[in-house]
C-alpha atoms as a PDB file:
ATOM      1  CA  MET A   1      79.645  46.792 323.819  1.00  0.00           C
ATOM      2  CA  GLU A   2      78.927  47.310 320.273  1.00  0.00           C
ATOM      3  CA  GLU A   3      80.220  46.267 317.333  1.00  0.00           C
ATOM      4  CA  ASN A   4      80.517  48.741 314.450  1.00  0.00           C
ATOM      5  CA  ILE A   5      79.128  46.963 311.648  1.00  0.00           C
ATOM      6  CA  SER A   6      79.958  48.877 308.211  1.00  0.00           C
ATOM      7  CA  GLN A   7      77.750  47.729 305.648  1.00  0.00           C
ATOM      8  CA  PRO A   8      78.781  48.508 302.228  1.00  0.00           C
ATOM      9  CA  GLN A   9      77.514  51.107 299.768  1.00  0.00           C
ATOM     10  CA  PRO A  10      76.203  50.436 296.806  1.00  0.00           C
ATOM     11  CA  GLU A  11      77.667  51.020 293.927  1.00  0.00           C
ATOM     12  CA  ILE A  12      75.913  53.775 291.488  1.00  0.00           C
ATOM     13  CA  ALA A  13      76.721  53.075 287.686  1.00  0.00           C
ATOM     14  CA  GLN A  14      77.904  56.124 285.718  1.00  0.00           C
ATOM     15  CA  THR A  15      76.561  56.180 282.021  1.00  0.00           C
ATOM     16  CA  SER A  16      78.032  58.803 280.159  1.00  0.00           C
ATOM     17  CA  ARG A  17      75.542  60.816 278.403  1.00  0.00           C
ATOM     18  CA  ALA A  18      77.401  60.905 275.242  1.00  0.00           C
ATOM     19  CA  ASN A  19      76.921  57.359 274.661  1.00  0.00           C
ATOM     20  CA  SER A  20      72.754  57.773 274.973  1.00  0.00           C
ATOM     21  CA  PRO A  21      71.054  56.887 271.761  1.00  0.00           C
ATOM     22  CA  ASN A  22      69.021  60.056 271.938  1.00  0.00           C
ATOM     23  CA  SER A  23      72.682  62.072 272.292  1.00  0.00           C
ATOM     24  CA  SER A  24      73.974  60.264 269.064  1.00  0.00           C
ATOM     25  CA  LEU A  25      70.997  60.395 266.631  1.00  0.00           C
ATOM     26  CA  LYS A  26      70.539  64.028 267.297  1.00  0.00           C
ATOM     27  CA  SER A  27      74.506  64.737 266.704  1.00  0.00           C
ATOM     28  CA  LYS A  28      73.963  63.052 263.253  1.00  0.00           C
ATOM     29  CA  LEU A  29      71.228  65.078 262.017  1.00  0.00           C
ATOM     30  CA  PRO A  30      72.947  67.878 260.449  1.00  0.00           C
ATOM     31  CA  LEU A  31      75.382  65.301 258.296  1.00  0.00           C
ATOM     32  CA  VAL A  32      71.993  63.411 256.797  1.00  0.00           C
ATOM     33  CA  SER A  33      70.232  66.468 256.384  1.00  0.00           C
ATOM     34  CA  ALA A  34      73.313  67.724 254.198  1.00  0.00           C
ATOM     35  CA  VAL A  35      73.318  64.516 252.834  1.00  0.00           C
ATOM     36  CA  LEU A  36      69.559  64.394 251.681  1.00  0.00           C
ATOM     37  CA  LEU A  37      69.946  68.180 250.591  1.00  0.00           C
ATOM     38  CA  LEU A  38      72.609  67.338 248.779  1.00  0.00           C
ATOM     39  CA  ILE A  39      71.021  64.072 246.965  1.00  0.00           C
ATOM     40  CA  VAL A  40      68.002  65.872 245.997  1.00  0.00           C
ATOM     41  CA  LEU A  41      70.484  69.095 244.871  1.00  0.00           C
ATOM     42  CA  ALA A  42      71.837  66.376 242.333  1.00  0.00           C
ATOM     43  CA  GLY A  43      68.525  65.118 241.606  1.00  0.00           C
ATOM     44  CA  THR A  44      66.972  68.059 240.760  1.00  0.00           C
ATOM     45  CA  ILE A  45      70.012  69.396 238.611  1.00  0.00           C
ATOM     46  CA  GLY A  46      70.592  65.884 236.872  1.00  0.00           C
ATOM     47  CA  PHE A  47      66.398  65.891 235.709  1.00  0.00           C
ATOM     48  CA  LEU A  48      67.205  69.685 234.833  1.00  0.00           C
ATOM     49  CA  LEU A  49      70.085  68.916 232.963  1.00  0.00           C
ATOM     50  CA  GLY A  50      69.135  65.491 231.350  1.00  0.00           C
ATOM     51  CA  LYS A  51      65.811  67.420 230.278  1.00  0.00           C
ATOM     52  CA  SER A  52      67.685  69.607 228.421  1.00  0.00           C
ATOM     53  CA  LEU A  53      70.235  67.205 226.110  1.00  0.00           C
ATOM     54  CA  ALA A  54      67.000  65.405 225.931  1.00  0.00           C
ATOM     55  CA  LYS A  55      65.233  68.193 224.135  1.00  0.00           C
ATOM     56  CA  PRO A  56      66.315  69.207 220.632  1.00  0.00           C
ATOM     57  CA  LYS A  57      68.233  72.394 219.966  1.00  0.00           C
ATOM     58  CA  PRO A  58      67.144  74.749 216.952  1.00  0.00           C
ATOM     59  CA  VAL A  59      68.487  74.111 213.929  1.00  0.00           C
ATOM     60  CA  SER A  60      70.052  76.982 212.815  1.00  0.00           C
ATOM     61  CA  VAL A  61      68.876  77.092 208.664  1.00  0.00           C
ATOM     62  CA  PRO A  62      71.497  79.555 207.081  1.00  0.00           C
ATOM     63  CA  PRO A  63      69.094  82.411 205.103  1.00  0.00           C
ATOM     64  CA  ILE A  64      68.477  81.290 201.478  1.00  0.00           C
ATOM     65  CA  ALA A  65      69.652  83.241 199.280  1.00  0.00           C
ATOM     66  CA  LYS A  66      66.916  84.891 196.669  1.00  0.00           C
ATOM     67  CA  ILE A  67      67.283  83.898 193.148  1.00  0.00           C
ATOM     68  CA  THR A  68      66.309  86.475 190.920  1.00  0.00           C
ATOM     69  CA  PRO A  69      65.612  85.369 187.331  1.00  0.00           C
ATOM     70  CA  THR A  70      67.420  86.258 184.405  1.00  0.00           C
ATOM     71  CA  GLN A  71      65.064  88.119 181.925  1.00  0.00           C
ATOM     72  CA  SER A  72      66.111  87.965 178.710  1.00  0.00           C
ATOM     73  CA  LEU A  73      66.555  90.958 176.559  1.00  0.00           C
ATOM     74  CA  PRO A  74      64.535  91.052 173.474  1.00  0.00           C
ATOM     75  CA  THR A  75      67.017  90.044 170.507  1.00  0.00           C
ATOM     76  CA  PRO A  76      66.193  93.994 168.547  1.00  0.00           C
ATOM     77  CA  THR A  77      64.807  92.814 164.734  1.00  0.00           C
ATOM     78  CA  PRO A  78      67.850  93.876 162.216  1.00  0.00           C
ATOM     79  CA  ASP A  79      66.532  97.462 159.737  1.00  0.00           C
ATOM     80  CA  PRO A  80      66.102  95.301 156.621  1.00  0.00           C
ATOM     81  CA  THR A  81      66.289  99.409 155.489  1.00  0.00           C
ATOM     82  CA  ALA A  82      69.290  99.732 156.783  1.00  0.00           C
ATOM     83  CA  ASN A  83      71.919 100.671 154.006  1.00  0.00           C
ATOM     84  CA  TRP A  84      68.944 101.966 151.997  1.00  0.00           C
ATOM     85  CA  LYS A  85      69.119 104.913 149.748  1.00  0.00           C
ATOM     86  CA  THR A  86      66.749 107.588 150.588  1.00  0.00           C
ATOM     87  CA  TYR A  87      64.542 109.893 148.218  1.00  0.00           C
ATOM     88  CA  ARG A  88      63.567 113.387 149.157  1.00  0.00           C
ATOM     89  CA  ASN A  89      61.469 115.533 147.845  1.00  0.00           C
ATOM     90  CA  GLU A  90      61.413 118.679 149.910  1.00  0.00           C
ATOM     91  CA  LYS A  91      58.870 120.635 147.216  1.00  0.00           C
ATOM     92  CA  TYR A  92      56.047 118.575 148.594  1.00  0.00           C
ATOM     93  CA  GLY A  93      57.452 117.095 152.196  1.00  0.00           C
ATOM     94  CA  PHE A  94      58.380 113.852 151.975  1.00  0.00           C
ATOM     95  CA  GLU A  95      61.058 111.241 151.365  1.00  0.00           C
ATOM     96  CA  PHE A  96      61.300 107.357 151.333  1.00  0.00           C
ATOM     97  CA  LYS A  97      63.714 104.628 150.976  1.00  0.00           C
ATOM     98  CA  TYR A  98      65.277 102.484 148.246  1.00  0.00           C
ATOM     99  CA  PRO A  99      66.615  99.190 147.642  1.00  0.00           C
ATOM    100  CA  PRO A 100      70.510  98.792 146.403  1.00  0.00           C
ATOM    101  CA  GLY A 101      70.162  97.840 142.766  1.00  0.00           C
ATOM    102  CA  PHE A 102      67.487 100.723 141.906  1.00  0.00           C
ATOM    103  CA  TYR A 103      68.085 103.448 140.986  1.00  0.00           C
ATOM    104  CA  TYR A 104      65.240 106.717 140.723  1.00  0.00           C
ATOM    105  CA  GLU A 105      64.781 109.523 137.947  1.00  0.00           C
ATOM    106  CA  GLU A 106      62.444 112.679 138.439  1.00  0.00           C
ATOM    107  CA  ILE A 107      59.878 112.810 135.570  1.00  0.00           C
ATOM    108  CA  LYS A 108      59.963 116.364 133.706  1.00  0.00           C
ATOM    109  CA  ASN A 109      56.794 117.232 132.615  1.00  0.00           C
ATOM    110  CA  PRO A 110      54.278 115.736 134.824  1.00  0.00           C
ATOM    111  CA  THR A 111      50.854 115.809 133.740  1.00  0.00           C
ATOM    112  CA  LYS A 112      47.365 116.167 135.382  1.00  0.00           C
ATOM    113  CA  PRO A 113      45.415 114.688 136.965  1.00  0.00           C
ATOM    114  CA  VAL A 114      48.169 113.121 138.986  1.00  0.00           C
ATOM    115  CA  THR A 115      51.477 115.155 139.089  1.00  0.00           C
ATOM    116  CA  TRP A 116      54.586 112.057 138.291  1.00  0.00           C
ATOM    117  CA  LEU A 117      57.344 112.877 139.875  1.00  0.00           C
ATOM    118  CA  VAL A 118      59.654 110.238 140.269  1.00  0.00           C
ATOM    119  CA  TYR A 119      59.707 106.775 139.703  1.00  0.00           C
ATOM    120  CA  ILE A 120      62.543 103.745 140.930  1.00  0.00           C
ATOM    121  CA  ALA A 121      63.782 100.761 138.994  1.00  0.00           C
ATOM    122  CA  ASP A 122      65.785  97.556 138.580  1.00  0.00           C
ATOM    123  CA  SER A 123      69.445  99.008 137.595  1.00  0.00           C
ATOM    124  CA  THR A 124      69.434  95.695 135.875  1.00  0.00           C
ATOM    125  CA  LYS A 125      66.074  96.261 133.693  1.00  0.00           C
ATOM    126  CA  SER A 126      67.138  98.670 130.673  1.00  0.00           C
ATOM    127  CA  PRO A 127      66.075 102.421 130.983  1.00  0.00           C
ATOM    128  CA  ASN A 128      65.004 102.534 126.923  1.00  0.00           C
ATOM    129  CA  VAL A 129      62.720  99.700 127.342  1.00  0.00           C
ATOM    130  CA  ALA A 130      58.763 100.802 127.799  1.00  0.00           C
ATOM    131  CA  HIS A 131      56.479  99.919 130.360  1.00  0.00           C
ATOM    132  CA  TYR A 132      59.451  97.654 132.589  1.00  0.00           C
ATOM    133  CA  PRO A 133      58.678  96.880 136.170  1.00  0.00           C
ATOM    134  CA  GLU A 134      59.069 100.169 137.839  1.00  0.00           C
ATOM    135  CA  ILE A 135      57.449 102.218 140.595  1.00  0.00           C
ATOM    136  CA  ASP A 136      56.239 105.995 139.980  1.00  0.00           C
ATOM    137  CA  VAL A 137      55.263 108.421 142.895  1.00  0.00           C
ATOM    138  CA  GLY A 138      53.416 110.916 142.431  1.00  0.00           C
ATOM    139  CA  VAL A 139      50.843 113.887 144.354  1.00  0.00           C
ATOM    140  CA  LEU A 140      47.397 114.768 143.849  1.00  0.00           C
ATOM    141  CA  SER A 141      45.051 117.790 145.086  1.00  0.00           C
ATOM    142  CA  LYS A 142      42.625 117.215 147.229  1.00  0.00           C
ATOM    143  CA  ASN A 143      39.882 119.108 149.087  1.00  0.00           C
ATOM    144  CA  LYS A 144      40.757 118.339 152.910  1.00  0.00           C
ATOM    145  CA  ASN A 145      37.423 118.428 153.836  1.00  0.00           C
ATOM    146  CA  LEU A 146      36.190 115.218 152.435  1.00  0.00           C
ATOM    147  CA  SER A 147      37.681 111.841 154.057  1.00  0.00           C
ATOM    148  CA  LEU A 148      40.494 109.507 151.749  1.00  0.00           C
ATOM    149  CA  HIS A 149      36.614 107.408 151.172  1.00  0.00           C
ATOM    150  CA  ASN A 150      34.942 109.934 149.972  1.00  0.00           C
ATOM    151  CA  TRP A 151      37.466 111.952 147.386  1.00  0.00           C
ATOM    152  CA  LEU A 152      38.483 108.565 145.845  1.00  0.00           C
ATOM    153  CA  GLU A 153      34.453 107.010 145.397  1.00  0.00           C
ATOM    154  CA  ASP A 154      34.733 110.138 142.569  1.00  0.00           C
ATOM    155  CA  LYS A 155      37.615 108.912 141.213  1.00  0.00           C
ATOM    156  CA  ILE A 156      37.197 105.005 140.112  1.00  0.00           C
ATOM    157  CA  THR A 157      35.264 102.965 138.477  1.00  0.00           C
ATOM    158  CA  THR A 158      34.863  99.205 138.196  1.00  0.00           C
ATOM    159  CA  LYS A 159      34.455  99.641 134.247  1.00  0.00           C
ATOM    160  CA  ASP A 160      37.535  98.436 132.202  1.00  0.00           C
ATOM    161  CA  ASN A 161      37.342 100.528 128.897  1.00  0.00           C
ATOM    162  CA  TYR A 162      40.056 102.800 130.009  1.00  0.00           C
ATOM    163  CA  ASN A 163      40.375 102.751 125.689  1.00  0.00           C
ATOM    164  CA  ASN A 164      36.829 103.841 125.104  1.00  0.00           C
ATOM    165  CA  PRO A 165      35.621 105.208 128.441  1.00  0.00           C
ATOM    166  CA  ASP A 166      31.713 106.000 128.893  1.00  0.00           C
ATOM    167  CA  PRO A 167      31.150 109.588 128.837  1.00  0.00           C
ATOM    168  CA  GLU A 168      30.134 109.666 132.394  1.00  0.00           C
ATOM    169  CA  ASP A 169      33.408 108.056 133.436  1.00  0.00           C
ATOM    170  CA  LYS A 170      35.747 110.469 131.395  1.00  0.00           C
ATOM    171  CA  ASP A 171      37.236 112.165 134.589  1.00  0.00           C
ATOM    172  CA  LYS A 172      37.799 109.449 136.012  1.00  0.00           C
ATOM    173  CA  ILE A 173      40.892 108.482 137.399  1.00  0.00           C
ATOM    174  CA  TRP A 174      41.604 105.111 137.215  1.00  0.00           C
ATOM    175  CA  TRP A 175      39.038 102.400 135.634  1.00  0.00           C
ATOM    176  CA  GLY A 176      39.239  98.606 136.032  1.00  0.00           C
ATOM    177  CA  VAL A 177      39.163  98.814 140.111  1.00  0.00           C
ATOM    178  CA  LYS A 178      38.837  96.050 142.192  1.00  0.00           C
ATOM    179  CA  ASP A 179      40.659  95.157 145.309  1.00  0.00           C
ATOM    180  CA  ILE A 180      40.140  98.658 147.919  1.00  0.00           C
ATOM    181  CA  ASN A 181      41.500  98.080 151.378  1.00  0.00           C
ATOM    182  CA  ASN A 182      43.129 100.207 154.339  1.00  0.00           C
ATOM    183  CA  ILE A 183      46.631 100.102 154.196  1.00  0.00           C
ATOM    184  CA  SER A 184      48.709 100.358 157.754  1.00  0.00           C
ATOM    185  CA  LEU A 185      51.397 103.397 157.415  1.00  0.00           C
ATOM    186  CA  GLY A 186      51.413 104.120 161.071  1.00  0.00           C
ATOM    187  CA  ASN A 187      49.198 106.871 161.899  1.00  0.00           C
ATOM    188  CA  LEU A 188      48.945 107.711 157.896  1.00  0.00           C
ATOM    189  CA  GLU A 189      45.615 106.851 156.563  1.00  0.00           C
ATOM    190  CA  ALA A 190      45.953 105.322 153.244  1.00  0.00           C
ATOM    191  CA  ILE A 191      43.882 103.008 151.159  1.00  0.00           C
ATOM    192  CA  GLY A 192      45.492 100.585 148.351  1.00  0.00           C
ATOM    193  CA  PHE A 193      43.719  98.604 145.013  1.00  0.00           C
ATOM    194  CA  PHE A 194      44.079  97.230 141.909  1.00  0.00           C
ATOM    195  CA  SER A 195      43.996  99.339 138.814  1.00  0.00           C
ATOM    196  CA  SER A 196      43.853  98.554 134.862  1.00  0.00           C
ATOM    197  CA  ASN A 197      44.574 101.766 132.538  1.00  0.00           C
ATOM    198  CA  GLY A 198      45.141  99.696 129.006  1.00  0.00           C
ATOM    199  CA  ALA A 199      45.189  96.505 127.442  1.00  0.00           C
ATOM    200  CA  SER A 200      48.348  95.129 129.092  1.00  0.00           C
ATOM    201  CA  THR A 201      49.053  97.384 132.001  1.00  0.00           C
ATOM    202  CA  PHE A 202      47.582  97.385 135.459  1.00  0.00           C
ATOM    203  CA  GLN A 203      48.925  99.074 138.452  1.00  0.00           C
ATOM    204  CA  ASN A 204      48.748  98.397 142.557  1.00  0.00           C
ATOM    205  CA  ASN A 205      48.205 101.652 143.871  1.00  0.00           C
ATOM    206  CA  VAL A 206      48.501 103.567 147.520  1.00  0.00           C
ATOM    207  CA  LEU A 207      46.956 106.368 148.005  1.00  0.00           C
ATOM    208  CA  ILE A 208      48.232 108.311 151.417  1.00  0.00           C
ATOM    209  CA  ASP A 209      46.275 111.305 153.007  1.00  0.00           C
ATOM    210  CA  HIS A 210      47.887 115.083 153.662  1.00  0.00           C
ATOM    211  CA  GLY A 211      44.979 116.729 154.109  1.00  0.00           C
ATOM    212  CA  ASP A 212      44.934 119.161 151.154  1.00  0.00           C
ATOM    213  CA  LYS A 213      47.181 117.058 149.068  1.00  0.00           C
ATOM    214  CA  LEU A 214      47.346 112.688 148.037  1.00  0.00           C
ATOM    215  CA  LEU A 215      50.550 110.870 147.447  1.00  0.00           C
ATOM    216  CA  ILE A 216      50.290 108.064 145.144  1.00  0.00           C
ATOM    217  CA  PHE A 217      52.731 105.038 144.789  1.00  0.00           C
ATOM    218  CA  GLN A 218      52.043 103.048 142.064  1.00  0.00           C
ATOM    219  CA  SER A 219      53.491  99.886 141.058  1.00  0.00           C
ATOM    220  CA  VAL A 220      53.081  99.271 137.537  1.00  0.00           C
ATOM    221  CA  ILE A 221      52.820  96.052 136.535  1.00  0.00           C
ATOM    222  CA  THR A 222      53.921  94.540 132.509  1.00  0.00           C
ATOM    223  CA  PRO A 223      54.121  91.682 130.691  1.00  0.00           C
ATOM    224  CA  LEU A 224      57.807  92.169 131.380  1.00  0.00           C
ATOM    225  CA  GLY A 225      57.407  91.780 134.971  1.00  0.00           C
ATOM    226  CA  VAL A 226      56.640  93.502 138.276  1.00  0.00           C
ATOM    227  CA  ILE A 227      58.851  94.701 141.630  1.00  0.00           C
ATOM    228  CA  ASP A 228      58.047  91.887 144.048  1.00  0.00           C
ATOM    229  CA  LYS A 229      54.894  93.082 146.104  1.00  0.00           C
ATOM    230  CA  SER A 230      56.928  92.443 149.217  1.00  0.00           C
ATOM    231  CA  LEU A 231      59.880  94.910 148.153  1.00  0.00           C
ATOM    232  CA  PHE A 232      57.115  97.343 147.296  1.00  0.00           C
ATOM    233  CA  ASP A 233      55.111  97.133 150.639  1.00  0.00           C
ATOM    234  CA  LEU A 234      58.768  97.877 152.002  1.00  0.00           C
ATOM    235  CA  ILE A 235      59.319 100.839 150.518  1.00  0.00           C
ATOM    236  CA  LEU A 236      56.366 102.227 151.682  1.00  0.00           C
ATOM    237  CA  SER A 237      57.016 101.209 155.039  1.00  0.00           C
ATOM    238  CA  THR A 238      60.202 103.499 154.926  1.00  0.00           C
ATOM    239  CA  PHE A 239      57.420 106.652 153.511  1.00  0.00           C
ATOM    240  CA  LYS A 240      57.123 109.338 155.895  1.00  0.00           C
ATOM    241  CA  PHE A 241      56.357 113.271 155.870  1.00  0.00           C
ATOM    242  CA  LEU A 242      58.693 115.842 156.493  1.00  0.00           C
ATOM    243  CA  ASP A 243      56.140 118.165 158.444  1.00  0.00           C
END
């Protein structure tokens, strides 16, 4: 009789794939990649932010206002003749100013070769005293083709013998002439000189050319005094022809 002997079957161990090491690693790769990516991004952002913060920001400088230096205007010089009176001669076409405290008087019956027109004098001086300090103003005829210097050469002498002139000097107008010089009167040609017509009378003269005539200003110097030269020059500076 045959016996059925049942042999035990070997157990087959079943291992879940989920518990496999390779399977677990594969399942974690996306997470690791994401974390690494975040780390890289964070590092990049941090680097860029740190670089941005470390870079000095440009300082905004406000525009500098342009300062224009103040230009000082020249102080006008007061006119010392502003309150002076004016003498005007319509016949010969000229005028000039004279200071307060002076007066003028027109000369009657003028003689030649100088036609004396007017004199001005200090009103504090007596008009009855001969040769008191005064300024005489007159006019002379002149060839307009002659220069002032050429005309004057024939009218003067350096000899001081007015009261007893030499025959060749009898037609001279001024004796004892010296210190001839050009005078500046704007655009007018003028000459100044000193003369001695008489034993005790001297003159500072200024001739002003105006074509066919000359104007003369003569400051008379006497033992009684003389009008100050600076005042004489200031009076001259106001002279002008009307045409």
